[in-house]
Amino acid sequence: MGKQMTEMLKGTLEGIVLAILFARPAYGYEITAWLRKQSFSGIAEGTVYALLVRIERRGLVDVEKVPSEKGPPRKVYSLNAQGREQLDEFWRTWSFLAERLEQLHEGGR
């Protein structure tokens, strides 16, 4: 993944993670694995975990500790009402930007 892709992902990763959690609750490693499966291989696990801490502090997710077969309990994150509002705002912003970028791409029409 190139530097430009990395920089663009920094600005959208929160929305991507919120969208993943909209689909279903997940824990950090599951989110990272899904991102890698979708070819976002340059995203470090630590980046996802730091983001999860931030969105938890901001009250965008609910957290449940679930027993794990391989060690300590896992923190499973699920999107709450405030998180859904934030995700809706992300999609509105994304749509606005995508439309403007497409216009630029087509020569400003």
PDB file of N, CA and C in Angstrom:
ATOM      1  N   MET A   1       0.857  -1.167   0.000  1.00  0.00           N
ATOM      2  CA  MET A   1       0.000   0.000   0.000  1.00  0.00           C
ATOM      3  C   MET A   1       0.901   1.227   0.000  1.00  0.00           C
ATOM      4  N   GLY A   2       0.617   2.162  -0.877  1.00  0.00           N
ATOM      5  CA  GLY A   2       1.441   3.348  -1.004  1.00  0.00           C
ATOM      6  C   GLY A   2       1.158   4.381   0.062  1.00  0.00           C
ATOM      7  N   LYS A   3       2.030   5.368   0.119  1.00  0.00           N
ATOM      8  CA  LYS A   3       1.908   6.437   1.118  1.00  0.00           C
ATOM      9  C   LYS A   3       0.590   7.199   0.981  1.00  0.00           C
ATOM     10  N   GLN A   4       0.177   7.455  -0.267  1.00  0.00           N
ATOM     11  CA  GLN A   4      -1.071   8.187  -0.464  1.00  0.00           C
ATOM     12  C   GLN A   4      -2.262   7.401   0.091  1.00  0.00           C
ATOM     13  N   MET A   5      -2.292   6.101  -0.152  1.00  0.00           N
ATOM     14  CA  MET A   5      -3.370   5.257   0.368  1.00  0.00           C
ATOM     15  C   MET A   5      -3.360   5.262   1.894  1.00  0.00           C
ATOM     16  N   THR A   6      -2.181   5.162   2.474  1.00  0.00           N
ATOM     17  CA  THR A   6      -2.058   5.178   3.931  1.00  0.00           C
ATOM     18  C   THR A   6      -2.619   6.473   4.502  1.00  0.00           C
ATOM     19  N   GLU A   7      -2.273   7.598   3.894  1.00  0.00           N
ATOM     20  CA  GLU A   7      -2.752   8.893   4.377  1.00  0.00           C
ATOM     21  C   GLU A   7      -4.268   9.014   4.238  1.00  0.00           C
ATOM     22  N   MET A   8      -4.812   8.535   3.133  1.00  0.00           N
ATOM     23  CA  MET A   8      -6.270   8.595   2.949  1.00  0.00           C
ATOM     24  C   MET A   8      -6.988   7.715   3.973  1.00  0.00           C
ATOM     25  N   LEU A   9      -6.415   6.550   4.248  1.00  0.00           N
ATOM     26  CA  LEU A   9      -7.033   5.654   5.230  1.00  0.00           C
ATOM     27  C   LEU A   9      -7.060   6.259   6.621  1.00  0.00           C
ATOM     28  N   LYS A  10      -6.043   7.027   6.971  1.00  0.00           N
ATOM     29  CA  LYS A  10      -6.016   7.650   8.291  1.00  0.00           C
ATOM     30  C   LYS A  10      -7.263   8.483   8.521  1.00  0.00           C
ATOM     31  N   GLY A  11      -7.723   9.158   7.478  1.00  0.00           N
ATOM     32  CA  GLY A  11      -8.889  10.015   7.609  1.00  0.00           C
ATOM     33  C   GLY A  11     -10.214   9.282   7.556  1.00  0.00           C
ATOM     34  N   THR A  12     -10.204   8.049   7.102  1.00  0.00           N
ATOM     35  CA  THR A  12     -11.468   7.324   6.936  1.00  0.00           C
ATOM     36  C   THR A  12     -11.582   6.075   7.803  1.00  0.00           C
ATOM     37  N   LEU A  13     -10.517   5.705   8.476  1.00  0.00           N
ATOM     38  CA  LEU A  13     -10.513   4.443   9.216  1.00  0.00           C
ATOM     39  C   LEU A  13     -11.603   4.385  10.287  1.00  0.00           C
ATOM     40  N   GLU A  14     -11.856   5.494  10.956  1.00  0.00           N
ATOM     41  CA  GLU A  14     -12.910   5.477  11.975  1.00  0.00           C
ATOM     42  C   GLU A  14     -14.250   5.119  11.336  1.00  0.00           C
ATOM     43  N   GLY A  15     -14.578   5.740  10.229  1.00  0.00           N
ATOM     44  CA  GLY A  15     -15.835   5.439   9.547  1.00  0.00           C
ATOM     45  C   GLY A  15     -15.895   4.001   9.078  1.00  0.00           C
ATOM     46  N   ILE A  16     -14.777   3.483   8.597  1.00  0.00           N
ATOM     47  CA  ILE A  16     -14.720   2.092   8.145  1.00  0.00           C
ATOM     48  C   ILE A  16     -14.995   1.150   9.316  1.00  0.00           C
ATOM     49  N   VAL A  17     -14.359   1.408  10.447  1.00  0.00           N
ATOM     50  CA  VAL A  17     -14.555   0.550  11.626  1.00  0.00           C
ATOM     51  C   VAL A  17     -15.990   0.660  12.134  1.00  0.00           C
ATOM     52  N   LEU A  18     -16.543   1.859  12.146  1.00  0.00           N
ATOM     53  CA  LEU A  18     -17.937   2.008  12.566  1.00  0.00           C
ATOM     54  C   LEU A  18     -18.867   1.232  11.629  1.00  0.00           C
ATOM     55  N   ALA A  19     -18.572   1.251  10.337  1.00  0.00           N
ATOM     56  CA  ALA A  19     -19.386   0.507   9.370  1.00  0.00           C
ATOM     57  C   ALA A  19     -19.280  -1.003   9.616  1.00  0.00           C
ATOM     58  N   ILE A  20     -18.086  -1.473   9.951  1.00  0.00           N
ATOM     59  CA  ILE A  20     -17.913  -2.897  10.274  1.00  0.00           C
ATOM     60  C   ILE A  20     -18.762  -3.248  11.495  1.00  0.00           C
ATOM     61  N   LEU A  21     -18.727  -2.380  12.512  1.00  0.00           N
ATOM     62  CA  LEU A  21     -19.478  -2.645  13.738  1.00  0.00           C
ATOM     63  C   LEU A  21     -20.981  -2.465  13.535  1.00  0.00           C
ATOM     64  N   PHE A  22     -21.375  -1.711  12.529  1.00  0.00           N
ATOM     65  CA  PHE A  22     -22.801  -1.595  12.188  1.00  0.00           C
ATOM     66  C   PHE A  22     -23.317  -2.940  11.696  1.00  0.00           C
ATOM     67  N   ALA A  23     -22.464  -3.648  10.954  1.00  0.00           N
ATOM     68  CA  ALA A  23     -22.852  -4.952  10.417  1.00  0.00           C
ATOM     69  C   ALA A  23     -22.988  -6.000  11.521  1.00  0.00           C
ATOM     70  N   ARG A  24     -22.072  -5.938  12.500  1.00  0.00           N
ATOM     71  CA  ARG A  24     -22.124  -6.909  13.593  1.00  0.00           C
ATOM     72  C   ARG A  24     -21.095  -6.540  14.658  1.00  0.00           C
ATOM     73  N   PRO A  25     -21.334  -6.934  15.911  1.00  0.00           N
ATOM     74  CA  PRO A  25     -20.334  -6.724  16.946  1.00  0.00           C
ATOM     75  C   PRO A  25     -19.060  -7.503  16.617  1.00  0.00           C
ATOM     76  N   ALA A  26     -17.921  -6.976  17.051  1.00  0.00           N
ATOM     77  CA  ALA A  26     -16.649  -7.644  16.768  1.00  0.00           C
ATOM     78  C   ALA A  26     -15.608  -7.203  17.788  1.00  0.00           C
ATOM     79  N   TYR A  27     -14.556  -7.999  17.906  1.00  0.00           N
ATOM     80  CA  TYR A  27     -13.427  -7.614  18.752  1.00  0.00           C
ATOM     81  C   TYR A  27     -12.283  -7.162  17.841  1.00  0.00           C
ATOM     82  N   GLY A  28     -11.279  -6.563  18.443  1.00  0.00           N
ATOM     83  CA  GLY A  28     -10.211  -5.916  17.684  1.00  0.00           C
ATOM     84  C   GLY A  28      -9.551  -6.775  16.626  1.00  0.00           C
ATOM     85  N   TYR A  29      -9.184  -7.996  16.986  1.00  0.00           N
ATOM     86  CA  TYR A  29      -8.500  -8.845  16.005  1.00  0.00           C
ATOM     87  C   TYR A  29      -9.413  -9.191  14.830  1.00  0.00           C
ATOM     88  N   GLU A  30     -10.705  -9.408  15.103  1.00  0.00           N
ATOM     89  CA  GLU A  30     -11.659  -9.690  14.020  1.00  0.00           C
ATOM     90  C   GLU A  30     -11.724  -8.527  13.037  1.00  0.00           C
ATOM     91  N   ILE A  31     -11.730  -7.324  13.567  1.00  0.00           N
ATOM     92  CA  ILE A  31     -11.785  -6.133  12.716  1.00  0.00           C
ATOM     93  C   ILE A  31     -10.531  -6.050  11.863  1.00  0.00           C
ATOM     94  N   THR A  32      -9.380  -6.240  12.476  1.00  0.00           N
ATOM     95  CA  THR A  32      -8.113  -6.202  11.738  1.00  0.00           C
ATOM     96  C   THR A  32      -8.081  -7.286  10.668  1.00  0.00           C
ATOM     97  N   ALA A  33      -8.518  -8.494  11.007  1.00  0.00           N
ATOM     98  CA  ALA A  33      -8.533  -9.598  10.038  1.00  0.00           C
ATOM     99  C   ALA A  33      -9.454  -9.272   8.864  1.00  0.00           C
ATOM    100  N   TRP A  34     -10.615  -8.692   9.137  1.00  0.00           N
ATOM    101  CA  TRP A  34     -11.533  -8.328   8.067  1.00  0.00           C
ATOM    102  C   TRP A  34     -10.901  -7.286   7.151  1.00  0.00           C
ATOM    103  N   LEU A  35     -10.250  -6.283   7.750  1.00  0.00           N
ATOM    104  CA  LEU A  35      -9.589  -5.242   6.951  1.00  0.00           C
ATOM    105  C   LEU A  35      -8.519  -5.855   6.051  1.00  0.00           C
ATOM    106  N   ARG A  36      -7.737  -6.767   6.595  1.00  0.00           N
ATOM    107  CA  ARG A  36      -6.690  -7.422   5.796  1.00  0.00           C
ATOM    108  C   ARG A  36      -7.302  -8.257   4.672  1.00  0.00           C
ATOM    109  N   LYS A  37      -8.398  -8.931   4.966  1.00  0.00           N
ATOM    110  CA  LYS A  37      -9.076  -9.730   3.948  1.00  0.00           C
ATOM    111  C   LYS A  37      -9.584  -8.845   2.805  1.00  0.00           C
ATOM    112  N   GLN A  38      -9.916  -7.611   3.134  1.00  0.00           N
ATOM    113  CA  GLN A  38     -10.399  -6.654   2.135  1.00  0.00           C
ATOM    114  C   GLN A  38      -9.254  -5.870   1.488  1.00  0.00           C
ATOM    115  N   SER A  39      -8.023  -6.356   1.664  1.00  0.00           N
ATOM    116  CA  SER A  39      -6.811  -5.778   1.061  1.00  0.00           C
ATOM    117  C   SER A  39      -6.325  -4.494   1.720  1.00  0.00           C
ATOM    118  N   PHE A  40      -6.756  -4.223   2.938  1.00  0.00           N
ATOM    119  CA  PHE A  40      -6.200  -3.118   3.715  1.00  0.00           C
ATOM    120  C   PHE A  40      -5.056  -3.668   4.567  1.00  0.00           C
ATOM    121  N   SER A  41      -4.096  -4.295   3.900  1.00  0.00           N
ATOM    122  CA  SER A  41      -3.049  -5.030   4.609  1.00  0.00           C
ATOM    123  C   SER A  41      -2.059  -4.130   5.338  1.00  0.00           C
ATOM    124  N   GLY A  42      -1.993  -2.872   5.007  1.00  0.00           N
ATOM    125  CA  GLY A  42      -1.032  -1.988   5.647  1.00  0.00           C
ATOM    126  C   GLY A  42      -1.469  -1.439   6.992  1.00  0.00           C
ATOM    127  N   ILE A  43      -2.654  -1.793   7.438  1.00  0.00           N
ATOM    128  CA  ILE A  43      -3.156  -1.283   8.710  1.00  0.00           C
ATOM    129  C   ILE A  43      -2.660  -2.179   9.841  1.00  0.00           C
ATOM    130  N   ALA A  44      -1.928  -1.592  10.756  1.00  0.00           N
ATOM    131  CA  ALA A  44      -1.376  -2.347  11.883  1.00  0.00           C
ATOM    132  C   ALA A  44      -2.459  -2.611  12.923  1.00  0.00           C
ATOM    133  N   GLU A  45      -2.332  -3.754  13.605  1.00  0.00           N
ATOM    134  CA  GLU A  45      -3.275  -4.088  14.672  1.00  0.00           C
ATOM    135  C   GLU A  45      -3.337  -2.978  15.713  1.00  0.00           C
ATOM    136  N   GLY A  46      -2.181  -2.434  16.051  1.00  0.00           N
ATOM    137  CA  GLY A  46      -2.125  -1.378  17.054  1.00  0.00           C
ATOM    138  C   GLY A  46      -2.941  -0.160  16.665  1.00  0.00           C
ATOM    139  N   THR A  47      -2.996   0.131  15.381  1.00  0.00           N
ATOM    140  CA  THR A  47      -3.778   1.265  14.892  1.00  0.00           C
ATOM    141  C   THR A  47      -5.258   1.033  15.150  1.00  0.00           C
ATOM    142  N   VAL A  48      -5.721  -0.187  14.885  1.00  0.00           N
ATOM    143  CA  VAL A  48      -7.131  -0.520  15.102  1.00  0.00           C
ATOM    144  C   VAL A  48      -7.450  -0.480  16.594  1.00  0.00           C
ATOM    145  N   TYR A  49      -6.569  -1.044  17.425  1.00  0.00           N
ATOM    146  CA  TYR A  49      -6.830  -1.042  18.867  1.00  0.00           C
ATOM    147  C   TYR A  49      -6.863   0.380  19.427  1.00  0.00           C
ATOM    148  N   ALA A  50      -5.958   1.241  18.970  1.00  0.00           N
ATOM    149  CA  ALA A  50      -5.957   2.639  19.427  1.00  0.00           C
ATOM    150  C   ALA A  50      -7.246   3.341  19.009  1.00  0.00           C
ATOM    151  N   LEU A  51      -7.709   3.055  17.808  1.00  0.00           N
ATOM    152  CA  LEU A  51      -8.964   3.635  17.332  1.00  0.00           C
ATOM    153  C   LEU A  51     -10.138   3.146  18.173  1.00  0.00           C
ATOM    154  N   LEU A  52     -10.155   1.863  18.503  1.00  0.00           N
ATOM    155  CA  LEU A  52     -11.235   1.317  19.331  1.00  0.00           C
ATOM    156  C   LEU A  52     -11.264   1.985  20.704  1.00  0.00           C
ATOM    157  N   VAL A  53     -10.102   2.235  21.275  1.00  0.00           N
ATOM    158  CA  VAL A  53     -10.042   2.938  22.566  1.00  0.00           C
ATOM    159  C   VAL A  53     -10.648   4.335  22.424  1.00  0.00           C
ATOM    160  N   ARG A  54     -10.296   5.033  21.344  1.00  0.00           N
ATOM    161  CA  ARG A  54     -10.815   6.398  21.134  1.00  0.00           C
ATOM    162  C   ARG A  54     -12.333   6.396  20.955  1.00  0.00           C
ATOM    163  N   ILE A  55     -12.859   5.481  20.144  1.00  0.00           N
ATOM    164  CA  ILE A  55     -14.312   5.507  19.925  1.00  0.00           C
ATOM    165  C   ILE A  55     -15.072   5.029  21.162  1.00  0.00           C
ATOM    166  N   GLU A  56     -14.425   4.186  21.969  1.00  0.00           N
ATOM    167  CA  GLU A  56     -15.047   3.792  23.242  1.00  0.00           C
ATOM    168  C   GLU A  56     -15.110   4.992  24.179  1.00  0.00           C
ATOM    169  N   ARG A  57     -14.034   5.738  24.274  1.00  0.00           N
ATOM    170  CA  ARG A  57     -13.996   6.924  25.146  1.00  0.00           C
ATOM    171  C   ARG A  57     -15.016   7.972  24.708  1.00  0.00           C
ATOM    172  N   ARG A  58     -15.251   8.065  23.414  1.00  0.00           N
ATOM    173  CA  ARG A  58     -16.201   9.039  22.870  1.00  0.00           C
ATOM    174  C   ARG A  58     -17.639   8.554  22.985  1.00  0.00           C
ATOM    175  N   GLY A  59     -17.844   7.329  23.464  1.00  0.00           N
ATOM    176  CA  GLY A  59     -19.185   6.814  23.694  1.00  0.00           C
ATOM    177  C   GLY A  59     -19.902   6.346  22.443  1.00  0.00           C
ATOM    178  N   LEU A  60     -19.140   5.956  21.405  1.00  0.00           N
ATOM    179  CA  LEU A  60     -19.738   5.540  20.142  1.00  0.00           C
ATOM    180  C   LEU A  60     -20.049   4.046  20.086  1.00  0.00           C
ATOM    181  N   VAL A  61     -19.507   3.294  21.050  1.00  0.00           N
ATOM    182  CA  VAL A  61     -19.696   1.844  21.067  1.00  0.00           C
ATOM    183  C   VAL A  61     -20.013   1.381  22.485  1.00  0.00           C
ATOM    184  N   ASP A  62     -20.663   0.247  22.545  1.00  0.00           N
ATOM    185  CA  ASP A  62     -20.838  -0.454  23.818  1.00  0.00           C
ATOM    186  C   ASP A  62     -19.830  -1.596  23.819  1.00  0.00           C
ATOM    187  N   VAL A  63     -19.322  -1.926  24.989  1.00  0.00           N
ATOM    188  CA  VAL A  63     -18.290  -2.952  25.095  1.00  0.00           C
ATOM    189  C   VAL A  63     -18.753  -4.032  26.057  1.00  0.00           C
ATOM    190  N   GLU A  64     -18.570  -5.274  25.624  1.00  0.00           N
ATOM    191  CA  GLU A  64     -18.887  -6.426  26.465  1.00  0.00           C
ATOM    192  C   GLU A  64     -17.654  -7.315  26.528  1.00  0.00           C
ATOM    193  N   LYS A  65     -17.277  -7.711  27.720  1.00  0.00           N
ATOM    194  CA  LYS A  65     -16.157  -8.643  27.861  1.00  0.00           C
ATOM    195  C   LYS A  65     -16.698 -10.065  27.735  1.00  0.00           C
ATOM    196  N   VAL A  66     -16.127 -10.801  26.780  1.00  0.00           N
ATOM    197  CA  VAL A  66     -16.583 -12.152  26.478  1.00  0.00           C
ATOM    198  C   VAL A  66     -15.429 -13.117  26.736  1.00  0.00           C
ATOM    199  N   PRO A  67     -15.687 -14.222  27.439  1.00  0.00           N
ATOM    200  CA  PRO A  67     -14.607 -15.185  27.696  1.00  0.00           C
ATOM    201  C   PRO A  67     -13.948 -15.650  26.392  1.00  0.00           C
ATOM    202  N   SER A  68     -12.647 -15.874  26.475  1.00  0.00           N
ATOM    203  CA  SER A  68     -11.884 -16.331  25.318  1.00  0.00           C
ATOM    204  C   SER A  68     -11.261 -17.682  25.634  1.00  0.00           C
ATOM    205  N   GLU A  69     -11.188 -18.528  24.620  1.00  0.00           N
ATOM    206  CA  GLU A  69     -10.547 -19.829  24.797  1.00  0.00           C
ATOM    207  C   GLU A  69      -9.032 -19.681  24.889  1.00  0.00           C
ATOM    208  N   LYS A  70      -8.517 -18.560  24.406  1.00  0.00           N
ATOM    209  CA  LYS A  70      -7.060 -18.373  24.317  1.00  0.00           C
ATOM    210  C   LYS A  70      -6.579 -17.217  25.176  1.00  0.00           C
ATOM    211  N   GLY A  71      -6.946 -17.174  26.436  1.00  0.00           N
ATOM    212  CA  GLY A  71      -6.423 -16.132  27.295  1.00  0.00           C
ATOM    213  C   GLY A  71      -7.502 -15.296  27.949  1.00  0.00           C
ATOM    214  N   PRO A  72      -7.168 -14.025  28.190  1.00  0.00           N
ATOM    215  CA  PRO A  72      -8.106 -13.151  28.910  1.00  0.00           C
ATOM    216  C   PRO A  72      -9.363 -12.884  28.081  1.00  0.00           C
ATOM    217  N   PRO A  73     -10.420 -12.394  28.746  1.00  0.00           N
ATOM    218  CA  PRO A  73     -11.651 -12.087  28.018  1.00  0.00           C
ATOM    219  C   PRO A  73     -11.407 -11.076  26.899  1.00  0.00           C
ATOM    220  N   ARG A  74     -12.176 -11.208  25.839  1.00  0.00           N
ATOM    221  CA  ARG A  74     -12.081 -10.283  24.705  1.00  0.00           C
ATOM    222  C   ARG A  74     -13.095  -9.163  24.901  1.00  0.00           C
ATOM    223  N   LYS A  75     -12.714  -7.974  24.453  1.00  0.00           N
ATOM    224  CA  LYS A  75     -13.638  -6.853  24.447  1.00  0.00           C
ATOM    225  C   LYS A  75     -14.352  -6.868  23.098  1.00  0.00           C
ATOM    226  N   VAL A  76     -15.654  -7.133  23.145  1.00  0.00           N
ATOM    227  CA  VAL A  76     -16.451  -7.142  21.925  1.00  0.00           C
ATOM    228  C   VAL A  76     -17.176  -5.797  21.836  1.00  0.00           C
ATOM    229  N   TYR A  77     -16.986  -5.133  20.712  1.00  0.00           N
ATOM    230  CA  TYR A  77     -17.529  -3.794  20.491  1.00  0.00           C
ATOM    231  C   TYR A  77     -18.787  -3.884  19.650  1.00  0.00           C
ATOM    232  N   SER A  78     -19.802  -3.129  20.036  1.00  0.00           N
ATOM    233  CA  SER A  78     -21.012  -3.030  19.218  1.00  0.00           C
ATOM    234  C   SER A  78     -21.391  -1.557  19.117  1.00  0.00           C
ATOM    235  N   LEU A  79     -21.883  -1.199  17.961  1.00  0.00           N
ATOM    236  CA  LEU A  79     -22.251   0.180  17.699  1.00  0.00           C
ATOM    237  C   LEU A  79     -23.509   0.532  18.475  1.00  0.00           C
ATOM    238  N   ASN A  80     -23.492   1.660  19.157  1.00  0.00           N
ATOM    239  CA  ASN A  80     -24.680   2.117  19.874  1.00  0.00           C
ATOM    240  C   ASN A  80     -25.328   3.268  19.088  1.00  0.00           C
ATOM    241  N   ALA A  81     -26.360   3.877  19.655  1.00  0.00           N
ATOM    242  CA  ALA A  81     -27.101   4.924  18.950  1.00  0.00           C
ATOM    243  C   ALA A  81     -26.202   6.100  18.574  1.00  0.00           C
ATOM    244  N   GLN A  82     -25.344   6.515  19.493  1.00  0.00           N
ATOM    245  CA  GLN A  82     -24.439   7.635  19.205  1.00  0.00           C
ATOM    246  C   GLN A  82     -23.454   7.252  18.090  1.00  0.00           C
ATOM    247  N   GLY A  83     -23.005   6.026  18.094  1.00  0.00           N
ATOM    248  CA  GLY A  83     -22.116   5.542  17.043  1.00  0.00           C
ATOM    249  C   GLY A  83     -22.805   5.498  15.692  1.00  0.00           C
ATOM    250  N   ARG A  84     -24.086   5.113  15.691  1.00  0.00           N
ATOM    251  CA  ARG A  84     -24.845   5.094  14.425  1.00  0.00           C
ATOM    252  C   ARG A  84     -25.004   6.506  13.881  1.00  0.00           C
ATOM    253  N   GLU A  85     -25.227   7.475  14.767  1.00  0.00           N
ATOM    254  CA  GLU A  85     -25.310   8.872  14.325  1.00  0.00           C
ATOM    255  C   GLU A  85     -23.983   9.314  13.703  1.00  0.00           C
ATOM    256  N   GLN A  86     -22.887   8.943  14.336  1.00  0.00           N
ATOM    257  CA  GLN A  86     -21.564   9.284  13.816  1.00  0.00           C
ATOM    258  C   GLN A  86     -21.328   8.610  12.464  1.00  0.00           C
ATOM    259  N   LEU A  87     -21.759   7.360  12.328  1.00  0.00           N
ATOM    260  CA  LEU A  87     -21.621   6.646  11.059  1.00  0.00           C
ATOM    261  C   LEU A  87     -22.460   7.307   9.975  1.00  0.00           C
ATOM    262  N   ASP A  88     -23.683   7.708  10.309  1.00  0.00           N
ATOM    263  CA  ASP A  88     -24.527   8.404   9.337  1.00  0.00           C
ATOM    264  C   ASP A  88     -23.841   9.683   8.858  1.00  0.00           C
ATOM    265  N   GLU A  89     -23.247  10.414   9.787  1.00  0.00           N
ATOM    266  CA  GLU A  89     -22.519  11.640   9.421  1.00  0.00           C
ATOM    267  C   GLU A  89     -21.324  11.316   8.529  1.00  0.00           C
ATOM    268  N   PHE A  90     -20.623  10.227   8.842  1.00  0.00           N
ATOM    269  CA  PHE A  90     -19.503   9.796   7.995  1.00  0.00           C
ATOM    270  C   PHE A  90     -19.982   9.540   6.577  1.00  0.00           C
ATOM    271  N   TRP A  91     -21.102   8.802   6.408  1.00  0.00           N
ATOM    272  CA  TRP A  91     -21.592   8.493   5.063  1.00  0.00           C
ATOM    273  C   TRP A  91     -22.046   9.745   4.327  1.00  0.00           C
ATOM    274  N   ARG A  92     -22.666  10.697   5.034  1.00  0.00           N
ATOM    275  CA  ARG A  92     -23.056  11.956   4.381  1.00  0.00           C
ATOM    276  C   ARG A  92     -21.823  12.707   3.889  1.00  0.00           C
ATOM    277  N   THR A  93     -20.801  12.776   4.728  1.00  0.00           N
ATOM    278  CA  THR A  93     -19.565  13.453   4.356  1.00  0.00           C
ATOM    279  C   THR A  93     -18.886  12.724   3.210  1.00  0.00           C
ATOM    280  N   TRP A  94     -18.840  11.404   3.300  1.00  0.00           N
ATOM    281  CA  TRP A  94     -18.224  10.601   2.242  1.00  0.00           C
ATOM    282  C   TRP A  94     -18.926  10.843   0.902  1.00  0.00           C
ATOM    283  N   SER A  95     -20.248  10.838   0.913  1.00  0.00           N
ATOM    284  CA  SER A  95     -21.013  11.056  -0.319  1.00  0.00           C
ATOM    285  C   SER A  95     -20.726  12.429  -0.910  1.00  0.00           C
ATOM    286  N   PHE A  96     -20.702  13.442  -0.057  1.00  0.00           N
ATOM    287  CA  PHE A  96     -20.399  14.795  -0.509  1.00  0.00           C
ATOM    288  C   PHE A  96     -19.020  14.844  -1.173  1.00  0.00           C
ATOM    289  N   LEU A  97     -18.027  14.307  -0.488  1.00  0.00           N
ATOM    290  CA  LEU A  97     -16.665  14.329  -1.037  1.00  0.00           C
ATOM    291  C   LEU A  97     -16.548  13.501  -2.311  1.00  0.00           C
ATOM    292  N   ALA A  98     -17.164  12.320  -2.320  1.00  0.00           N
ATOM    293  CA  ALA A  98     -17.091  11.453  -3.500  1.00  0.00           C
ATOM    294  C   ALA A  98     -17.699  12.135  -4.720  1.00  0.00           C
ATOM    295  N   GLU A  99     -18.820  12.821  -4.525  1.00  0.00           N
ATOM    296  CA  GLU A  99     -19.450  13.531  -5.645  1.00  0.00           C
ATOM    297  C   GLU A  99     -18.543  14.634  -6.171  1.00  0.00           C
ATOM    298  N   ARG A 100     -17.953  15.406  -5.274  1.00  0.00           N
ATOM    299  CA  ARG A 100     -17.071  16.510  -5.693  1.00  0.00           C
ATOM    300  C   ARG A 100     -15.813  15.982  -6.371  1.00  0.00           C
ATOM    301  N   LEU A 101     -15.256  14.896  -5.856  1.00  0.00           N
ATOM    302  CA  LEU A 101     -14.068  14.307  -6.474  1.00  0.00           C
ATOM    303  C   LEU A 101     -14.375  13.750  -7.851  1.00  0.00           C
ATOM    304  N   GLU A 102     -15.550  13.138  -7.986  1.00  0.00           N
ATOM    305  CA  GLU A 102     -15.950  12.614  -9.293  1.00  0.00           C
ATOM    306  C   GLU A 102     -16.101  13.762 -10.296  1.00  0.00           C
ATOM    307  N   GLN A 103     -16.663  14.884  -9.854  1.00  0.00           N
ATOM    308  CA  GLN A 103     -16.775  16.047 -10.732  1.00  0.00           C
ATOM    309  C   GLN A 103     -15.401  16.530 -11.167  1.00  0.00           C
ATOM    310  N   LEU A 104     -14.473  16.593 -10.252  1.00  0.00           N
ATOM    311  CA  LEU A 104     -13.107  16.999 -10.592  1.00  0.00           C
ATOM    312  C   LEU A 104     -12.468  16.018 -11.567  1.00  0.00           C
ATOM    313  N   HIS A 105     -12.685  14.740 -11.316  1.00  0.00           N
ATOM    314  CA  HIS A 105     -12.137  13.703 -12.157  1.00  0.00           C
ATOM    315  C   HIS A 105     -12.667  13.814 -13.600  1.00  0.00           C
ATOM    316  N   GLU A 106     -13.918  14.231 -13.712  1.00  0.00           N
ATOM    317  CA  GLU A 106     -14.528  14.376 -15.032  1.00  0.00           C
ATOM    318  C   GLU A 106     -14.229  15.734 -15.664  1.00  0.00           C
ATOM    319  N   GLY A 107     -13.329  16.475 -15.085  1.00  0.00           N
ATOM    320  CA  GLY A 107     -12.935  17.758 -15.669  1.00  0.00           C
ATOM    321  C   GLY A 107     -13.697  18.951 -15.132  1.00  0.00           C
ATOM    322  N   GLY A 108     -14.276  18.812 -13.964  1.00  0.00           N
ATOM    323  CA  GLY A 108     -14.941  19.950 -13.323  1.00  0.00           C
ATOM    324  C   GLY A 108     -16.366  20.193 -13.773  1.00  0.00           C
ATOM    325  N   ARG A 109     -16.958  19.266 -14.502  1.00  0.00           N
ATOM    326  CA  ARG A 109     -18.341  19.464 -14.989  1.00  0.00           C
ATOM    327  C   ARG A 109     -19.340  19.374 -13.899  1.00  0.00           C
TER     328      ARG A 109
END
